[in-house]
Amino acid sequence: MKAAIDVTELKANLLDKETTLQTISNAEKVRAAEKEALMRTDLVEDEAESSKRAVKILEQLEEAKAVNLELEN
């Protein structure tokens, strides 16, 4: 009878450890996904900043062209 109780306790202990391991594994997956999302967000922010600079440069170019046209007339 004692052996059956020991086996039952060992199975319960193993199940607890497997549950803990699964929880840790899931937490690591979540952290990895969060890290990836942050990296992608940084990339998108960098691209947006580059686009803003490009728009500003194009606006300045258009202004310079307009000034040149006025000076030529």
N, C-alpha and C. Protein backbone atom coordinates (compact mmCIF):
# COMPACT_ATOMS: atom_id res chain seq x y z
N MET A 1 0.83 -1.19 0.00
CA MET A 1 0.00 0.00 0.00
C MET A 1 0.87 1.25 0.00
N LYS A 2 1.97 1.20 0.78
CA LYS A 2 2.89 2.34 0.84
C LYS A 2 3.50 2.62 -0.52
N ALA A 3 3.82 1.59 -1.26
CA ALA A 3 4.41 1.76 -2.59
C ALA A 3 3.42 2.44 -3.53
N ALA A 4 2.15 2.09 -3.43
CA ALA A 4 1.13 2.70 -4.29
C ALA A 4 1.00 4.19 -3.96
N ILE A 5 1.07 4.53 -2.68
CA ILE A 5 0.99 5.94 -2.27
C ILE A 5 2.22 6.69 -2.77
N ASP A 6 3.40 6.07 -2.63
CA ASP A 6 4.64 6.70 -3.11
C ASP A 6 4.57 6.95 -4.62
N VAL A 7 4.07 5.98 -5.38
CA VAL A 7 3.95 6.13 -6.83
C VAL A 7 2.98 7.26 -7.15
N THR A 8 1.87 7.31 -6.43
CA THR A 8 0.88 8.37 -6.66
C THR A 8 1.49 9.72 -6.35
N GLU A 9 2.24 9.82 -5.24
CA GLU A 9 2.89 11.08 -4.88
C GLU A 9 3.94 11.47 -5.92
N LEU A 10 4.69 10.49 -6.39
CA LEU A 10 5.71 10.75 -7.41
C LEU A 10 5.05 11.22 -8.71
N LYS A 11 3.94 10.62 -9.09
CA LYS A 11 3.23 11.05 -10.30
C LYS A 11 2.71 12.48 -10.15
N ALA A 12 2.17 12.77 -8.98
CA ALA A 12 1.67 14.13 -8.73
C ALA A 12 2.81 15.13 -8.76
N ASN A 13 3.93 14.75 -8.16
CA ASN A 13 5.11 15.62 -8.15
C ASN A 13 5.62 15.85 -9.57
N LEU A 14 5.66 14.78 -10.37
CA LEU A 14 6.10 14.89 -11.76
C LEU A 14 5.15 15.79 -12.54
N LEU A 15 3.86 15.64 -12.33
CA LEU A 15 2.87 16.47 -13.02
C LEU A 15 3.07 17.94 -12.65
N ASP A 16 3.32 18.22 -11.38
CA ASP A 16 3.58 19.60 -10.94
C ASP A 16 4.82 20.16 -11.63
N LYS A 17 5.86 19.36 -11.69
CA LYS A 17 7.09 19.82 -12.33
C LYS A 17 6.89 20.06 -13.83
N GLU A 18 6.13 19.18 -14.48
CA GLU A 18 5.84 19.36 -15.90
C GLU A 18 5.02 20.64 -16.13
N THR A 19 4.08 20.89 -15.23
CA THR A 19 3.28 22.11 -15.34
C THR A 19 4.16 23.34 -15.16
N THR A 20 5.06 23.28 -14.18
CA THR A 20 5.99 24.40 -13.95
C THR A 20 6.88 24.61 -15.17
N LEU A 21 7.40 23.54 -15.72
CA LEU A 21 8.26 23.62 -16.90
C LEU A 21 7.49 24.22 -18.07
N GLN A 22 6.26 23.81 -18.26
CA GLN A 22 5.44 24.34 -19.35
C GLN A 22 5.20 25.83 -19.16
N THR A 23 4.94 26.23 -17.92
CA THR A 23 4.72 27.65 -17.62
C THR A 23 5.97 28.46 -17.92
N ILE A 24 7.12 27.95 -17.53
CA ILE A 24 8.38 28.65 -17.80
C ILE A 24 8.62 28.73 -19.31
N SER A 25 8.37 27.63 -20.00
CA SER A 25 8.55 27.61 -21.46
C SER A 25 7.64 28.62 -22.13
N ASN A 26 6.39 28.68 -21.70
CA ASN A 26 5.46 29.65 -22.27
C ASN A 26 5.91 31.08 -21.98
N ALA A 27 6.41 31.33 -20.77
CA ALA A 27 6.88 32.67 -20.41
C ALA A 27 8.06 33.06 -21.29
N GLU A 28 8.95 32.12 -21.56
CA GLU A 28 10.09 32.41 -22.42
C GLU A 28 9.63 32.71 -23.85
N LYS A 29 8.61 31.99 -24.32
CA LYS A 29 8.08 32.25 -25.65
C LYS A 29 7.46 33.65 -25.71
N VAL A 30 6.75 34.02 -24.65
CA VAL A 30 6.14 35.35 -24.59
C VAL A 30 7.22 36.42 -24.59
N ARG A 31 8.27 36.22 -23.80
CA ARG A 31 9.37 37.19 -23.78
C ARG A 31 10.03 37.32 -25.14
N ALA A 32 10.24 36.20 -25.81
CA ALA A 32 10.85 36.23 -27.14
C ALA A 32 9.95 36.98 -28.12
N ALA A 33 8.64 36.75 -28.03
CA ALA A 33 7.71 37.45 -28.92
C ALA A 33 7.70 38.95 -28.62
N GLU A 34 7.75 39.31 -27.34
CA GLU A 34 7.80 40.72 -26.96
C GLU A 34 9.07 41.39 -27.49
N LYS A 35 10.18 40.68 -27.37
CA LYS A 35 11.46 41.21 -27.85
C LYS A 35 11.39 41.43 -29.36
N GLU A 36 10.84 40.46 -30.08
CA GLU A 36 10.70 40.58 -31.53
C GLU A 36 9.80 41.76 -31.89
N ALA A 37 8.70 41.91 -31.14
CA ALA A 37 7.77 43.02 -31.41
C ALA A 37 8.46 44.36 -31.16
N LEU A 38 9.27 44.45 -30.11
CA LEU A 38 9.99 45.70 -29.84
C LEU A 38 11.00 46.00 -30.94
N MET A 39 11.68 44.97 -31.41
CA MET A 39 12.65 45.18 -32.49
C MET A 39 11.94 45.67 -33.76
N ARG A 40 10.78 45.07 -34.05
CA ARG A 40 10.02 45.49 -35.24
C ARG A 40 9.50 46.91 -35.07
N THR A 41 9.06 47.24 -33.86
CA THR A 41 8.57 48.59 -33.59
C THR A 41 9.69 49.60 -33.79
N ASP A 42 10.88 49.28 -33.29
CA ASP A 42 12.03 50.16 -33.49
C ASP A 42 12.33 50.34 -34.96
N LEU A 43 12.25 49.26 -35.72
CA LEU A 43 12.51 49.32 -37.15
C LEU A 43 11.49 50.21 -37.85
N VAL A 44 10.22 50.04 -37.51
CA VAL A 44 9.17 50.85 -38.11
C VAL A 44 9.36 52.32 -37.74
N GLU A 45 9.72 52.58 -36.48
CA GLU A 45 9.96 53.97 -36.06
C GLU A 45 11.13 54.58 -36.83
N ASP A 46 12.18 53.81 -37.02
CA ASP A 46 13.33 54.30 -37.80
C ASP A 46 12.92 54.60 -39.24
N GLU A 47 12.13 53.71 -39.83
CA GLU A 47 11.67 53.93 -41.20
C GLU A 47 10.77 55.16 -41.28
N ALA A 48 9.93 55.35 -40.29
CA ALA A 48 9.05 56.52 -40.27
C ALA A 48 9.87 57.80 -40.16
N GLU A 49 10.89 57.77 -39.33
CA GLU A 49 11.76 58.94 -39.17
C GLU A 49 12.49 59.23 -40.48
N SER A 50 12.96 58.20 -41.16
CA SER A 50 13.61 58.39 -42.45
C SER A 50 12.65 58.98 -43.47
N SER A 51 11.41 58.50 -43.45
CA SER A 51 10.41 59.02 -44.37
C SER A 51 10.12 60.49 -44.09
N LYS A 52 10.05 60.86 -42.82
CA LYS A 52 9.83 62.26 -42.46
C LYS A 52 10.97 63.13 -42.98
N ARG A 53 12.20 62.64 -42.82
CA ARG A 53 13.36 63.40 -43.32
C ARG A 53 13.29 63.54 -44.84
N ALA A 54 12.91 62.45 -45.52
CA ALA A 54 12.81 62.49 -46.98
C ALA A 54 11.75 63.49 -47.42
N VAL A 55 10.61 63.51 -46.73
CA VAL A 55 9.55 64.46 -47.07
C VAL A 55 10.05 65.89 -46.86
N LYS A 56 10.75 66.12 -45.77
CA LYS A 56 11.27 67.46 -45.48
C LYS A 56 12.26 67.90 -46.56
N ILE A 57 13.11 66.98 -46.99
CA ILE A 57 14.08 67.29 -48.04
C ILE A 57 13.37 67.60 -49.35
N LEU A 58 12.35 66.80 -49.68
CA LEU A 58 11.59 67.05 -50.90
C LEU A 58 10.88 68.41 -50.85
N GLU A 59 10.35 68.76 -49.69
CA GLU A 59 9.70 70.07 -49.54
C GLU A 59 10.72 71.20 -49.76
N GLN A 60 11.91 71.02 -49.18
CA GLN A 60 12.94 72.04 -49.35
C GLN A 60 13.37 72.14 -50.82
N LEU A 61 13.44 71.01 -51.49
CA LEU A 61 13.81 71.00 -52.90
C LEU A 61 12.75 71.73 -53.73
N GLU A 62 11.48 71.46 -53.44
CA GLU A 62 10.41 72.15 -54.15
C GLU A 62 10.47 73.66 -53.90
N GLU A 63 10.74 74.05 -52.68
CA GLU A 63 10.87 75.48 -52.37
C GLU A 63 12.04 76.10 -53.13
N ALA A 64 13.14 75.37 -53.20
CA ALA A 64 14.31 75.89 -53.92
C ALA A 64 13.99 76.02 -55.41
N LYS A 65 13.27 75.05 -55.96
CA LYS A 65 12.88 75.14 -57.37
C LYS A 65 11.99 76.35 -57.61
N ALA A 66 11.06 76.59 -56.70
CA ALA A 66 10.15 77.73 -56.83
C ALA A 66 10.93 79.03 -56.78
N VAL A 67 11.90 79.13 -55.89
CA VAL A 67 12.73 80.33 -55.79
C VAL A 67 13.53 80.52 -57.07
N ASN A 68 14.10 79.44 -57.59
CA ASN A 68 14.87 79.53 -58.83
C ASN A 68 14.01 80.00 -59.99
N LEU A 69 12.78 79.49 -60.07
CA LEU A 69 11.87 79.89 -61.13
C LEU A 69 11.57 81.40 -61.03
N GLU A 70 11.36 81.89 -59.81
CA GLU A 70 11.09 83.30 -59.61
C GLU A 70 12.29 84.15 -60.01
N LEU A 71 13.49 83.65 -59.67
CA LEU A 71 14.69 84.40 -60.01
C LEU A 71 14.93 84.43 -61.52
N GLU A 72 14.54 83.36 -62.22
CA GLU A 72 14.72 83.30 -63.66
C GLU A 72 13.74 84.21 -64.40
N ASN A 73 12.62 84.48 -63.80
CA ASN A 73 11.60 85.33 -64.48
C ASN A 73 11.84 86.76 -64.23
